[in-house]
Amino acid sequence: MKRMVLAAVAAASLGLAGCNSTNEGDRALVGGALGATTGAVIASAAGASTAGTIIAATTGAAAGAIVGSATTPRCVDQFGDPVPCPR
């Protein structure tokens, strides 16, 4: 049962991976969700306790949000002025 739940959570997180946005908040949110899921799945698969799994998920969420936000594309024109990114 535990493995089935983990597989369902991992599949749901893969669905989030397809979300592509140029909005910094959106990228931080998706990165945080993917990081939390990845941390929880790895900790649980490694046999961590419930507290260990929660710590891993929290750490993964923080790291994912930071990376997602930091990798937001910055679109500029040939003069270096900010412009809306193409979708």
N, C-alpha and C. Protein backbone atom coordinates (compact mmCIF):
# COMPACT_ATOMS: atom_id res chain seq x y z
N MET A 1 0.83 -1.20 0.00
CA MET A 1 0.00 0.00 0.00
C MET A 1 0.87 1.26 0.00
N LYS A 2 1.92 1.24 0.82
CA LYS A 2 2.79 2.40 0.92
C LYS A 2 3.45 2.71 -0.42
N ARG A 3 3.88 1.67 -1.12
CA ARG A 3 4.51 1.87 -2.42
C ARG A 3 3.52 2.42 -3.44
N MET A 4 2.27 1.99 -3.34
CA MET A 4 1.26 2.47 -4.27
C MET A 4 0.99 3.96 -4.06
N VAL A 5 0.95 4.38 -2.81
CA VAL A 5 0.75 5.80 -2.51
C VAL A 5 1.94 6.60 -3.02
N LEU A 6 3.14 6.10 -2.81
CA LEU A 6 4.34 6.79 -3.29
C LEU A 6 4.33 6.91 -4.81
N ALA A 7 3.91 5.85 -5.47
CA ALA A 7 3.86 5.90 -6.94
C ALA A 7 2.83 6.92 -7.41
N ALA A 8 1.70 7.01 -6.73
CA ALA A 8 0.68 7.99 -7.11
C ALA A 8 1.17 9.42 -6.89
N VAL A 9 1.86 9.64 -5.78
CA VAL A 9 2.39 10.98 -5.50
C VAL A 9 3.47 11.34 -6.52
N ALA A 10 4.32 10.38 -6.86
CA ALA A 10 5.37 10.64 -7.85
C ALA A 10 4.76 10.94 -9.22
N ALA A 11 3.71 10.23 -9.58
CA ALA A 11 3.05 10.48 -10.87
C ALA A 11 2.41 11.86 -10.89
N ALA A 12 1.83 12.27 -9.78
CA ALA A 12 1.23 13.61 -9.71
C ALA A 12 2.28 14.69 -9.84
N SER A 13 3.44 14.46 -9.24
CA SER A 13 4.50 15.47 -9.33
C SER A 13 5.05 15.56 -10.75
N LEU A 14 5.06 14.46 -11.47
CA LEU A 14 5.50 14.52 -12.86
C LEU A 14 4.55 15.36 -13.70
N GLY A 15 3.29 15.36 -13.34
CA GLY A 15 2.33 16.22 -14.03
C GLY A 15 2.66 17.69 -13.82
N LEU A 16 3.12 18.03 -12.62
CA LEU A 16 3.53 19.40 -12.34
C LEU A 16 4.77 19.80 -13.12
N ALA A 17 5.62 18.83 -13.41
CA ALA A 17 6.87 19.13 -14.10
C ALA A 17 6.62 19.71 -15.48
N GLY A 18 5.46 19.43 -16.05
CA GLY A 18 5.14 19.96 -17.37
C GLY A 18 4.69 21.42 -17.35
N CYS A 19 4.47 21.96 -16.16
CA CYS A 19 4.05 23.35 -16.05
C CYS A 19 5.24 24.27 -16.32
N ASN A 20 5.15 25.01 -17.39
CA ASN A 20 6.23 25.91 -17.76
C ASN A 20 5.70 27.34 -17.72
N SER A 21 6.31 28.16 -16.91
CA SER A 21 5.86 29.53 -16.77
C SER A 21 7.06 30.46 -16.68
N THR A 22 6.85 31.70 -17.05
CA THR A 22 7.90 32.70 -16.89
C THR A 22 7.63 33.57 -15.66
N ASN A 23 6.60 33.23 -14.90
CA ASN A 23 6.27 33.94 -13.68
C ASN A 23 7.09 33.36 -12.53
N GLU A 24 7.82 34.21 -11.81
CA GLU A 24 8.70 33.75 -10.73
C GLU A 24 7.93 33.02 -9.63
N GLY A 25 6.76 33.50 -9.28
CA GLY A 25 5.96 32.86 -8.24
C GLY A 25 5.48 31.48 -8.64
N ASP A 26 5.05 31.35 -9.90
CA ASP A 26 4.60 30.05 -10.39
C ASP A 26 5.74 29.04 -10.37
N ARG A 27 6.91 29.49 -10.80
CA ARG A 27 8.06 28.58 -10.85
C ARG A 27 8.49 28.17 -9.44
N ALA A 28 8.41 29.09 -8.49
CA ALA A 28 8.76 28.75 -7.11
C ALA A 28 7.76 27.75 -6.54
N LEU A 29 6.49 27.94 -6.85
CA LEU A 29 5.45 27.03 -6.35
C LEU A 29 5.63 25.62 -6.91
N VAL A 30 5.83 25.52 -8.21
CA VAL A 30 6.00 24.21 -8.84
C VAL A 30 7.31 23.57 -8.37
N GLY A 31 8.37 24.36 -8.27
CA GLY A 31 9.64 23.83 -7.77
C GLY A 31 9.52 23.32 -6.34
N GLY A 32 8.80 24.04 -5.52
CA GLY A 32 8.59 23.60 -4.14
C GLY A 32 7.80 22.31 -4.06
N ALA A 33 6.77 22.20 -4.90
CA ALA A 33 5.96 20.98 -4.90
C ALA A 33 6.77 19.78 -5.39
N LEU A 34 7.56 19.99 -6.44
CA LEU A 34 8.39 18.89 -6.94
C LEU A 34 9.47 18.51 -5.94
N GLY A 35 10.06 19.50 -5.28
CA GLY A 35 11.09 19.22 -4.28
C GLY A 35 10.53 18.48 -3.08
N ALA A 36 9.35 18.88 -2.63
CA ALA A 36 8.72 18.20 -1.49
C ALA A 36 8.40 16.75 -1.84
N THR A 37 7.84 16.55 -3.00
CA THR A 37 7.50 15.19 -3.43
C THR A 37 8.74 14.32 -3.56
N THR A 38 9.77 14.87 -4.19
CA THR A 38 11.00 14.11 -4.36
C THR A 38 11.63 13.77 -3.02
N GLY A 39 11.70 14.74 -2.13
CA GLY A 39 12.27 14.48 -0.80
C GLY A 39 11.50 13.42 -0.04
N ALA A 40 10.17 13.50 -0.09
CA ALA A 40 9.35 12.52 0.63
C ALA A 40 9.48 11.12 0.03
N VAL A 41 9.50 11.03 -1.28
CA VAL A 41 9.61 9.72 -1.93
C VAL A 41 10.96 9.08 -1.64
N ILE A 42 12.02 9.85 -1.75
CA ILE A 42 13.35 9.30 -1.49
C ILE A 42 13.50 8.87 -0.04
N ALA A 43 13.05 9.71 0.89
CA ALA A 43 13.16 9.36 2.31
C ALA A 43 12.33 8.14 2.64
N SER A 44 11.14 8.07 2.11
CA SER A 44 10.28 6.93 2.39
C SER A 44 10.84 5.65 1.79
N ALA A 45 11.36 5.75 0.57
CA ALA A 45 11.94 4.57 -0.08
C ALA A 45 13.19 4.10 0.65
N ALA A 46 13.89 5.03 1.29
CA ALA A 46 15.10 4.68 2.04
C ALA A 46 14.77 4.13 3.42
N GLY A 47 13.50 4.13 3.78
CA GLY A 47 13.08 3.55 5.06
C GLY A 47 13.13 4.53 6.21
N ALA A 48 13.06 5.80 5.94
CA ALA A 48 13.11 6.81 7.01
C ALA A 48 11.83 6.77 7.83
N SER A 49 11.93 7.26 9.05
CA SER A 49 10.75 7.35 9.91
C SER A 49 9.82 8.45 9.38
N THR A 50 8.67 8.56 9.99
CA THR A 50 7.72 9.59 9.56
C THR A 50 8.33 10.98 9.74
N ALA A 51 9.00 11.20 10.86
CA ALA A 51 9.64 12.50 11.10
C ALA A 51 10.73 12.76 10.07
N GLY A 52 11.49 11.75 9.73
CA GLY A 52 12.54 11.89 8.73
C GLY A 52 11.98 12.21 7.36
N THR A 53 10.85 11.58 7.04
CA THR A 53 10.20 11.85 5.75
C THR A 53 9.68 13.28 5.69
N ILE A 54 9.12 13.75 6.80
CA ILE A 54 8.62 15.13 6.84
C ILE A 54 9.77 16.12 6.72
N ILE A 55 10.87 15.85 7.39
CA ILE A 55 12.05 16.73 7.30
C ILE A 55 12.58 16.75 5.87
N ALA A 56 12.66 15.59 5.24
CA ALA A 56 13.14 15.52 3.86
C ALA A 56 12.21 16.26 2.91
N ALA A 57 10.91 16.13 3.12
CA ALA A 57 9.95 16.84 2.27
C ALA A 57 10.06 18.35 2.45
N THR A 58 10.23 18.79 3.68
CA THR A 58 10.36 20.22 3.96
C THR A 58 11.63 20.78 3.34
N THR A 59 12.73 20.05 3.49
CA THR A 59 13.99 20.48 2.91
C THR A 59 13.90 20.51 1.38
N GLY A 60 13.29 19.49 0.80
CA GLY A 60 13.11 19.44 -0.65
C GLY A 60 12.23 20.58 -1.16
N ALA A 61 11.19 20.91 -0.39
CA ALA A 61 10.30 22.00 -0.80
C ALA A 61 11.05 23.33 -0.81
N ALA A 62 11.84 23.57 0.23
CA ALA A 62 12.59 24.82 0.31
C ALA A 62 13.61 24.91 -0.84
N ALA A 63 14.34 23.83 -1.06
CA ALA A 63 15.34 23.83 -2.13
C ALA A 63 14.68 23.98 -3.50
N GLY A 64 13.58 23.29 -3.72
CA GLY A 64 12.87 23.38 -5.00
C GLY A 64 12.32 24.77 -5.26
N ALA A 65 11.79 25.42 -4.22
CA ALA A 65 11.27 26.77 -4.39
C ALA A 65 12.38 27.76 -4.72
N ILE A 66 13.52 27.61 -4.06
CA ILE A 66 14.65 28.50 -4.32
C ILE A 66 15.15 28.32 -5.74
N VAL A 67 15.33 27.08 -6.14
CA VAL A 67 15.83 26.81 -7.50
C VAL A 67 14.81 27.25 -8.55
N GLY A 68 13.54 26.96 -8.32
CA GLY A 68 12.52 27.37 -9.28
C GLY A 68 12.46 28.87 -9.46
N SER A 69 12.55 29.59 -8.37
CA SER A 69 12.53 31.05 -8.44
C SER A 69 13.78 31.61 -9.10
N ALA A 70 14.92 31.03 -8.76
CA ALA A 70 16.20 31.54 -9.28
C ALA A 70 16.38 31.27 -10.77
N THR A 71 15.69 30.29 -11.31
CA THR A 71 15.87 29.95 -12.72
C THR A 71 14.80 30.56 -13.62
N THR A 72 14.07 31.55 -13.11
CA THR A 72 13.06 32.22 -13.92
C THR A 72 13.74 32.96 -15.07
N PRO A 73 13.29 32.73 -16.30
CA PRO A 73 13.93 33.41 -17.42
C PRO A 73 13.69 34.91 -17.37
N ARG A 74 14.70 35.64 -17.74
CA ARG A 74 14.60 37.10 -17.82
C ARG A 74 14.72 37.48 -19.29
N CYS A 75 13.64 37.95 -19.88
CA CYS A 75 13.63 38.28 -21.29
C CYS A 75 13.94 39.76 -21.48
N VAL A 76 14.88 40.03 -22.37
CA VAL A 76 15.27 41.40 -22.68
C VAL A 76 15.37 41.56 -24.19
N ASP A 77 15.23 42.79 -24.65
CA ASP A 77 15.40 43.05 -26.07
C ASP A 77 16.87 43.32 -26.39
N GLN A 78 17.16 43.70 -27.63
CA GLN A 78 18.55 43.88 -28.04
C GLN A 78 19.23 45.04 -27.32
N PHE A 79 18.44 45.89 -26.65
CA PHE A 79 19.01 47.02 -25.91
C PHE A 79 19.15 46.73 -24.42
N GLY A 80 18.73 45.54 -24.00
CA GLY A 80 18.81 45.15 -22.60
C GLY A 80 17.61 45.57 -21.76
N ASP A 81 16.57 46.07 -22.42
CA ASP A 81 15.37 46.48 -21.70
C ASP A 81 14.47 45.26 -21.49
N PRO A 82 13.84 45.15 -20.31
CA PRO A 82 12.95 44.01 -20.05
C PRO A 82 11.74 44.03 -20.98
N VAL A 83 11.39 42.86 -21.49
CA VAL A 83 10.20 42.69 -22.33
C VAL A 83 9.48 41.43 -21.86
N PRO A 84 8.18 41.31 -22.18
CA PRO A 84 7.47 40.08 -21.82
C PRO A 84 8.08 38.88 -22.56
N CYS A 85 8.23 37.79 -21.86
CA CYS A 85 8.76 36.58 -22.48
C CYS A 85 7.71 35.95 -23.38
N PRO A 86 8.12 35.37 -24.51
CA PRO A 86 7.15 34.70 -25.38
C PRO A 86 6.60 33.45 -24.70
N ARG A 87 5.39 33.11 -25.03
CA ARG A 87 4.77 31.91 -24.42
C ARG A 87 4.81 30.77 -25.35
